[in-house]
């Protein structure tokens, strides 16, 4: 059984780099890790049928999309939902 850990956090400072490093050390070597901050659907579609997927974390992934002014549609989402 293939286990895939999908990390959505971006590394923007030393503190986050250390957190990511610790997370990597805790995961078993047999676990496949994919780091993707934006295009989650592409990752999921590329996985083989039957793979077990842990996404960490959907809330952070959505924040990445909403706060990235260069990501297509982020401004439209913010206006429509009036959240930012």
Protein backbone atom coordinates (compact mmCIF):
# COMPACT_ATOMS: atom_id res chain seq x y z
CA UNK A 1 0.00 0.00 0.00
CA UNK A 2 1.40 3.38 -1.01
CA UNK A 3 1.13 6.10 1.64
CA UNK A 4 1.51 9.69 0.46
CA UNK A 5 1.91 12.64 2.80
CA UNK A 6 0.99 15.89 1.04
CA UNK A 7 2.40 18.95 2.81
CA UNK A 8 0.80 22.27 1.87
CA UNK A 9 2.95 24.56 4.02
CA UNK A 10 5.38 26.91 2.37
CA UNK A 11 8.76 27.52 3.94
CA UNK A 12 9.28 31.26 4.31
CA UNK A 13 11.54 31.54 7.36
CA UNK A 14 13.98 29.59 9.53
CA UNK A 15 11.36 28.62 12.10
CA UNK A 16 9.18 27.00 9.46
CA UNK A 17 12.21 25.32 7.90
CA UNK A 18 12.96 23.72 11.26
CA UNK A 19 9.35 22.59 11.69
CA UNK A 20 9.38 20.98 8.24
CA UNK A 21 12.68 19.28 9.02
CA UNK A 22 11.24 17.79 12.23
CA UNK A 23 8.11 16.61 10.41
CA UNK A 24 10.25 14.87 7.79
CA UNK A 25 12.30 13.10 10.46
CA UNK A 26 9.16 11.76 12.17
CA UNK A 27 7.67 10.24 9.04
CA UNK A 28 8.58 6.65 8.17
CA UNK A 29 11.02 6.20 5.30
CA UNK A 30 8.35 4.22 3.44
CA UNK A 31 6.08 7.27 3.34
CA UNK A 32 6.19 9.28 0.13
CA UNK A 33 6.17 13.03 0.78
CA UNK A 34 4.93 15.58 -1.72
CA UNK A 35 5.21 19.29 -0.96
CA UNK A 36 2.67 21.41 -2.83
CA UNK A 37 1.36 24.79 -1.71
CA UNK A 38 -1.14 25.47 -4.52
CA UNK A 39 -1.96 22.83 -7.14
CA UNK A 40 -3.34 20.10 -4.90
CA UNK A 41 -5.59 18.62 -7.59
CA UNK A 42 -2.58 17.96 -9.81
CA UNK A 43 -0.90 16.00 -7.04
CA UNK A 44 -3.99 13.95 -6.29
CA UNK A 45 -4.63 13.16 -9.95
CA UNK A 46 -1.05 11.95 -10.38
CA UNK A 47 -1.27 9.34 -7.61
CA UNK A 48 -1.92 5.70 -8.36
CA UNK A 49 -5.31 4.21 -7.61
CA UNK A 50 -5.46 2.88 -4.08
CA UNK A 51 -2.86 5.23 -2.61
CA UNK A 52 -3.58 6.36 0.93
CA UNK A 53 -3.25 10.14 1.13
CA UNK A 54 -2.79 12.38 4.15
CA UNK A 55 -3.14 16.08 3.33
CA UNK A 56 -1.61 18.42 5.88
CA UNK A 57 -3.44 20.81 5.87
CA UNK A 58 -6.46 21.89 3.82
CA UNK A 59 -6.94 25.10 5.81
CA UNK A 60 -3.37 26.18 5.10
CA UNK A 61 -3.75 25.20 1.44
CA UNK A 62 -6.83 27.41 1.09
CA UNK A 63 -5.03 30.27 2.82
CA UNK A 64 -2.16 29.88 0.35
CA UNK A 65 -4.60 30.30 -2.53
CA UNK A 66 -6.50 33.22 -1.03
CA UNK A 67 -3.43 35.19 -0.03
CA UNK A 68 -1.42 34.70 -3.22
CA UNK A 69 -2.16 37.68 -5.45
CA UNK A 70 -0.42 35.90 -8.33
CA UNK A 71 -2.66 32.86 -8.18
CA UNK A 72 -5.48 33.04 -10.77
CA UNK A 73 -8.83 33.68 -9.14
CA UNK A 74 -7.59 34.62 -5.67
CA UNK A 75 -8.94 38.17 -5.94
CA UNK A 76 -12.29 36.90 -7.25
CA UNK A 77 -12.61 34.48 -4.33
CA UNK A 78 -11.81 37.22 -1.80
CA UNK A 79 -14.39 39.60 -3.30
CA UNK A 80 -17.09 36.96 -3.55
CA UNK A 81 -16.68 35.70 0.00
CA UNK A 82 -15.78 39.10 1.47
CA UNK A 83 -13.37 37.43 3.84
CA UNK A 84 -10.15 39.34 3.32
